[in-house]
Amino acid sequence: MSDSCSSGSILYWSWHKPQVDVRNFPEEPIGPIICNLEGFYLFGGGSSGHHYMWEVSS
């Protein structure tokens, strides 16, 4: 997972693939991104005050 600030996207990679699996394009710039301990969910916040949560499929 990567927060690509210059392109405004969040990128997901599989462990066994060199290319990006999923590109996510939030409606607004997302601040710090964290995940839960198990790695099932990603959380981030926007400058508007909205909170975002993504379920990460395996």
PDB file of N, CA and C in Angstrom:
ATOM      1  N   MET A   1       0.855  -1.152   0.000  1.00  0.00           N
ATOM      2  CA  MET A   1       0.000   0.000   0.000  1.00  0.00           C
ATOM      3  C   MET A   1       0.906   1.221   0.000  1.00  0.00           C
ATOM      4  N   SER A   2       0.510   2.225  -0.715  1.00  0.00           N
ATOM      5  CA  SER A   2       1.287   3.454  -0.786  1.00  0.00           C
ATOM      6  C   SER A   2       0.346   4.632  -0.919  1.00  0.00           C
ATOM      7  N   ASP A   3       0.675   5.725  -0.238  1.00  0.00           N
ATOM      8  CA  ASP A   3      -0.070   6.971  -0.396  1.00  0.00           C
ATOM      9  C   ASP A   3       0.721   7.805  -1.390  1.00  0.00           C
ATOM     10  N   SER A   4       0.219   7.923  -2.582  1.00  0.00           N
ATOM     11  CA  SER A   4       0.927   8.612  -3.652  1.00  0.00           C
ATOM     12  C   SER A   4       0.448  10.060  -3.702  1.00  0.00           C
ATOM     13  N   CYS A   5       1.075  10.930  -2.914  1.00  0.00           N
ATOM     14  CA  CYS A   5       0.600  12.304  -2.737  1.00  0.00           C
ATOM     15  C   CYS A   5       0.552  13.101  -4.031  1.00  0.00           C
ATOM     16  N   SER A   6       1.518  12.925  -4.900  1.00  0.00           N
ATOM     17  CA  SER A   6       1.554  13.746  -6.106  1.00  0.00           C
ATOM     18  C   SER A   6       0.441  13.389  -7.088  1.00  0.00           C
ATOM     19  N   SER A   7       0.003  12.135  -7.100  1.00  0.00           N
ATOM     20  CA  SER A   7      -1.034  11.740  -8.049  1.00  0.00           C
ATOM     21  C   SER A   7      -2.411  11.675  -7.411  1.00  0.00           C
ATOM     22  N   GLY A   8      -2.501  11.803  -6.091  1.00  0.00           N
ATOM     23  CA  GLY A   8      -3.783  11.744  -5.415  1.00  0.00           C
ATOM     24  C   GLY A   8      -4.398  10.366  -5.408  1.00  0.00           C
ATOM     25  N   SER A   9      -3.586   9.329  -5.416  1.00  0.00           N
ATOM     26  CA  SER A   9      -4.114   7.970  -5.437  1.00  0.00           C
ATOM     27  C   SER A   9      -3.524   7.136  -4.305  1.00  0.00           C
ATOM     28  N   ILE A  10      -4.229   6.063  -3.974  1.00  0.00           N
ATOM     29  CA  ILE A  10      -3.744   5.086  -3.008  1.00  0.00           C
ATOM     30  C   ILE A  10      -3.559   3.793  -3.783  1.00  0.00           C
ATOM     31  N   LEU A  11      -2.359   3.230  -3.707  1.00  0.00           N
ATOM     32  CA  LEU A  11      -2.009   2.061  -4.509  1.00  0.00           C
ATOM     33  C   LEU A  11      -1.850   0.834  -3.626  1.00  0.00           C
ATOM     34  N   TYR A  12      -2.327  -0.319  -4.117  1.00  0.00           N
ATOM     35  CA  TYR A  12      -2.224  -1.591  -3.406  1.00  0.00           C
ATOM     36  C   TYR A  12      -1.435  -2.572  -4.259  1.00  0.00           C
ATOM     37  N   TRP A  13      -0.511  -3.302  -3.627  1.00  0.00           N
ATOM     38  CA  TRP A  13       0.263  -4.334  -4.310  1.00  0.00           C
ATOM     39  C   TRP A  13       0.002  -5.679  -3.661  1.00  0.00           C
ATOM     40  N   SER A  14       0.065  -6.742  -4.459  1.00  0.00           N
ATOM     41  CA  SER A  14       0.078  -8.104  -3.925  1.00  0.00           C
ATOM     42  C   SER A  14       1.524  -8.449  -3.604  1.00  0.00           C
ATOM     43  N   TRP A  15       1.720  -9.343  -2.646  1.00  0.00           N
ATOM     44  CA  TRP A  15       3.080  -9.717  -2.250  1.00  0.00           C
ATOM     45  C   TRP A  15       3.865 -10.314  -3.410  1.00  0.00           C
ATOM     46  N   HIS A  16       3.203 -11.043  -4.287  1.00  0.00           N
ATOM     47  CA  HIS A  16       3.914 -11.798  -5.316  1.00  0.00           C
ATOM     48  C   HIS A  16       3.846 -11.168  -6.702  1.00  0.00           C
ATOM     49  N   LYS A  17       3.448  -9.912  -6.788  1.00  0.00           N
ATOM     50  CA  LYS A  17       3.357  -9.241  -8.083  1.00  0.00           C
ATOM     51  C   LYS A  17       4.125  -7.919  -8.042  1.00  0.00           C
ATOM     52  N   PRO A  18       4.908  -7.626  -9.076  1.00  0.00           N
ATOM     53  CA  PRO A  18       5.659  -6.368  -9.085  1.00  0.00           C
ATOM     54  C   PRO A  18       4.804  -5.158  -9.473  1.00  0.00           C
ATOM     55  N   GLN A  19       3.659  -5.387 -10.119  1.00  0.00           N
ATOM     56  CA  GLN A  19       2.826  -4.267 -10.561  1.00  0.00           C
ATOM     57  C   GLN A  19       1.699  -3.991  -9.557  1.00  0.00           C
ATOM     58  N   VAL A  20       1.136  -2.810  -9.664  1.00  0.00           N
ATOM     59  CA  VAL A  20       0.048  -2.388  -8.785  1.00  0.00           C
ATOM     60  C   VAL A  20      -1.192  -3.228  -9.070  1.00  0.00           C
ATOM     61  N   ASP A  21      -1.845  -3.714  -8.013  1.00  0.00           N
ATOM     62  CA  ASP A  21      -3.085  -4.488  -8.152  1.00  0.00           C
ATOM     63  C   ASP A  21      -4.306  -3.585  -8.251  1.00  0.00           C
ATOM     64  N   VAL A  22      -4.376  -2.594  -7.374  1.00  0.00           N
ATOM     65  CA  VAL A  22      -5.558  -1.733  -7.293  1.00  0.00           C
ATOM     66  C   VAL A  22      -5.117  -0.289  -7.129  1.00  0.00           C
ATOM     67  N   ARG A  23      -5.774   0.606  -7.841  1.00  0.00           N
ATOM     68  CA  ARG A  23      -5.566   2.050  -7.673  1.00  0.00           C
ATOM     69  C   ARG A  23      -6.867   2.641  -7.152  1.00  0.00           C
ATOM     70  N   ASN A  24      -6.784   3.398  -6.072  1.00  0.00           N
ATOM     71  CA  ASN A  24      -7.958   4.031  -5.482  1.00  0.00           C
ATOM     72  C   ASN A  24      -7.767   5.532  -5.579  1.00  0.00           C
ATOM     73  N   PHE A  25      -8.792   6.251  -6.023  1.00  0.00           N
ATOM     74  CA  PHE A  25      -8.701   7.693  -6.214  1.00  0.00           C
ATOM     75  C   PHE A  25      -9.729   8.393  -5.323  1.00  0.00           C
ATOM     76  N   PRO A  26      -9.349   8.738  -4.097  1.00  0.00           N
ATOM     77  CA  PRO A  26     -10.279   9.423  -3.195  1.00  0.00           C
ATOM     78  C   PRO A  26     -10.711  10.773  -3.764  1.00  0.00           C
ATOM     79  N   GLU A  27     -11.860  11.259  -3.297  1.00  0.00           N
ATOM     80  CA  GLU A  27     -12.400  12.531  -3.784  1.00  0.00           C
ATOM     81  C   GLU A  27     -11.596  13.731  -3.308  1.00  0.00           C
ATOM     82  N   GLU A  28     -10.835  13.572  -2.248  1.00  0.00           N
ATOM     83  CA  GLU A  28     -10.037  14.670  -1.708  1.00  0.00           C
ATOM     84  C   GLU A  28      -8.697  14.123  -1.234  1.00  0.00           C
ATOM     85  N   PRO A  29      -7.718  14.991  -1.030  1.00  0.00           N
ATOM     86  CA  PRO A  29      -6.435  14.515  -0.498  1.00  0.00           C
ATOM     87  C   PRO A  29      -6.632  13.868   0.873  1.00  0.00           C
ATOM     88  N   ILE A  30      -5.996  12.728   1.077  1.00  0.00           N
ATOM     89  CA  ILE A  30      -6.101  11.985   2.323  1.00  0.00           C
ATOM     90  C   ILE A  30      -4.830  12.209   3.129  1.00  0.00           C
ATOM     91  N   GLY A  31      -5.012  12.483   4.413  1.00  0.00           N
ATOM     92  CA  GLY A  31      -3.876  12.701   5.310  1.00  0.00           C
ATOM     93  C   GLY A  31      -3.248  11.387   5.720  1.00  0.00           C
ATOM     94  N   PRO A  32      -2.742  11.311   6.925  1.00  0.00           N
ATOM     95  CA  PRO A  32      -2.079  10.082   7.374  1.00  0.00           C
ATOM     96  C   PRO A  32      -2.982   8.861   7.193  1.00  0.00           C
ATOM     97  N   ILE A  33      -2.388   7.775   6.739  1.00  0.00           N
ATOM     98  CA  ILE A  33      -3.109   6.521   6.555  1.00  0.00           C
ATOM     99  C   ILE A  33      -2.531   5.507   7.530  1.00  0.00           C
ATOM    100  N   ILE A  34      -3.423   4.827   8.252  1.00  0.00           N
ATOM    101  CA  ILE A  34      -2.990   3.782   9.178  1.00  0.00           C
ATOM    102  C   ILE A  34      -3.814   2.527   8.899  1.00  0.00           C
ATOM    103  N   CYS A  35      -3.352   1.404   9.417  1.00  0.00           N
ATOM    104  CA  CYS A  35      -4.132   0.168   9.301  1.00  0.00           C
ATOM    105  C   CYS A  35      -4.310  -0.420  10.689  1.00  0.00           C
ATOM    106  N   ASN A  36      -5.313  -1.295  10.825  1.00  0.00           N
ATOM    107  CA  ASN A  36      -5.490  -1.958  12.108  1.00  0.00           C
ATOM    108  C   ASN A  36      -4.405  -3.017  12.265  1.00  0.00           C
ATOM    109  N   LEU A  37      -4.275  -3.554  13.465  1.00  0.00           N
ATOM    110  CA  LEU A  37      -3.194  -4.479  13.785  1.00  0.00           C
ATOM    111  C   LEU A  37      -3.174  -5.698  12.863  1.00  0.00           C
ATOM    112  N   GLU A  38      -4.345  -6.200  12.508  1.00  0.00           N
ATOM    113  CA  GLU A  38      -4.427  -7.375  11.647  1.00  0.00           C
ATOM    114  C   GLU A  38      -4.217  -7.044  10.173  1.00  0.00           C
ATOM    115  N   GLY A  39      -4.272  -5.772   9.797  1.00  0.00           N
ATOM    116  CA  GLY A  39      -4.085  -5.364   8.412  1.00  0.00           C
ATOM    117  C   GLY A  39      -5.317  -5.522   7.544  1.00  0.00           C
ATOM    118  N   PHE A  40      -6.495  -5.651   8.158  1.00  0.00           N
ATOM    119  CA  PHE A  40      -7.737  -5.832   7.400  1.00  0.00           C
ATOM    120  C   PHE A  40      -8.347  -4.521   6.940  1.00  0.00           C
ATOM    121  N   TYR A  41      -8.047  -3.431   7.629  1.00  0.00           N
ATOM    122  CA  TYR A  41      -8.670  -2.148   7.323  1.00  0.00           C
ATOM    123  C   TYR A  41      -7.626  -1.046   7.255  1.00  0.00           C
ATOM    124  N   LEU A  42      -7.851  -0.076   6.357  1.00  0.00           N
ATOM    125  CA  LEU A  42      -7.051   1.144   6.280  1.00  0.00           C
ATOM    126  C   LEU A  42      -7.945   2.304   6.677  1.00  0.00           C
ATOM    127  N   PHE A  43      -7.371   3.268   7.386  1.00  0.00           N
ATOM    128  CA  PHE A  43      -8.112   4.443   7.821  1.00  0.00           C
ATOM    129  C   PHE A  43      -7.329   5.693   7.446  1.00  0.00           C
ATOM    130  N   GLY A  44      -8.035   6.720   7.030  1.00  0.00           N
ATOM    131  CA  GLY A  44      -7.402   7.991   6.704  1.00  0.00           C
ATOM    132  C   GLY A  44      -8.396   9.116   6.893  1.00  0.00           C
ATOM    133  N   GLY A  45      -7.903  10.334   6.881  1.00  0.00           N
ATOM    134  CA  GLY A  45      -8.767  11.497   7.045  1.00  0.00           C
ATOM    135  C   GLY A  45      -8.446  12.565   6.023  1.00  0.00           C
ATOM    136  N   GLY A  46      -9.487  13.298   5.619  1.00  0.00           N
ATOM    137  CA  GLY A  46      -9.321  14.375   4.659  1.00  0.00           C
ATOM    138  C   GLY A  46      -9.347  15.731   5.331  1.00  0.00           C
ATOM    139  N   SER A  47      -8.930  16.752   4.604  1.00  0.00           N
ATOM    140  CA  SER A  47      -8.905  18.113   5.151  1.00  0.00           C
ATOM    141  C   SER A  47     -10.316  18.632   5.423  1.00  0.00           C
ATOM    142  N   SER A  48     -11.334  18.010   4.820  1.00  0.00           N
ATOM    143  CA  SER A  48     -12.726  18.413   5.047  1.00  0.00           C
ATOM    144  C   SER A  48     -13.236  17.943   6.402  1.00  0.00           C
ATOM    145  N   GLY A  49     -12.484  17.058   7.052  1.00  0.00           N
ATOM    146  CA  GLY A  49     -12.932  16.482   8.312  1.00  0.00           C
ATOM    147  C   GLY A  49     -13.579  15.116   8.143  1.00  0.00           C
ATOM    148  N   HIS A  50     -13.753  14.673   6.896  1.00  0.00           N
ATOM    149  CA  HIS A  50     -14.316  13.344   6.653  1.00  0.00           C
ATOM    150  C   HIS A  50     -13.284  12.269   6.983  1.00  0.00           C
ATOM    151  N   HIS A  51     -13.768  11.140   7.476  1.00  0.00           N
ATOM    152  CA  HIS A  51     -12.924   9.984   7.751  1.00  0.00           C
ATOM    153  C   HIS A  51     -13.215   8.924   6.698  1.00  0.00           C
ATOM    154  N   TYR A  52     -12.188   8.176   6.316  1.00  0.00           N
ATOM    155  CA  TYR A  52     -12.326   7.148   5.291  1.00  0.00           C
ATOM    156  C   TYR A  52     -11.824   5.818   5.832  1.00  0.00           C
ATOM    157  N   MET A  53     -12.509   4.745   5.445  1.00  0.00           N
ATOM    158  CA  MET A  53     -12.108   3.404   5.839  1.00  0.00           C
ATOM    159  C   MET A  53     -12.208   2.498   4.611  1.00  0.00           C
ATOM    160  N   TRP A  54     -11.164   1.707   4.390  1.00  0.00           N
ATOM    161  CA  TRP A  54     -11.150   0.738   3.302  1.00  0.00           C
ATOM    162  C   TRP A  54     -10.955  -0.644   3.898  1.00  0.00           C
ATOM    163  N   GLU A  55     -11.719  -1.604   3.394  1.00  0.00           N
ATOM    164  CA  GLU A  55     -11.496  -3.000   3.761  1.00  0.00           C
ATOM    165  C   GLU A  55     -10.507  -3.564   2.754  1.00  0.00           C
ATOM    166  N   VAL A  56      -9.435  -4.142   3.243  1.00  0.00           N
ATOM    167  CA  VAL A  56      -8.384  -4.669   2.379  1.00  0.00           C
ATOM    168  C   VAL A  56      -8.623  -6.162   2.195  1.00  0.00           C
ATOM    169  N   SER A  57      -8.967  -6.574   0.994  1.00  0.00           N
ATOM    170  CA  SER A  57      -9.202  -7.997   0.706  1.00  0.00           C
ATOM    171  C   SER A  57      -7.880  -8.718   0.563  1.00  0.00           C
ATOM    172  N   SER A  58      -7.896  -9.984   0.903  1.00  0.00           N
ATOM    173  CA  SER A  58      -6.670 -10.776   0.735  1.00  0.00           C
ATOM    174  C   SER A  58      -6.858 -11.806  -0.344  1.00  0.00           C
TER     175      SER A  58
END
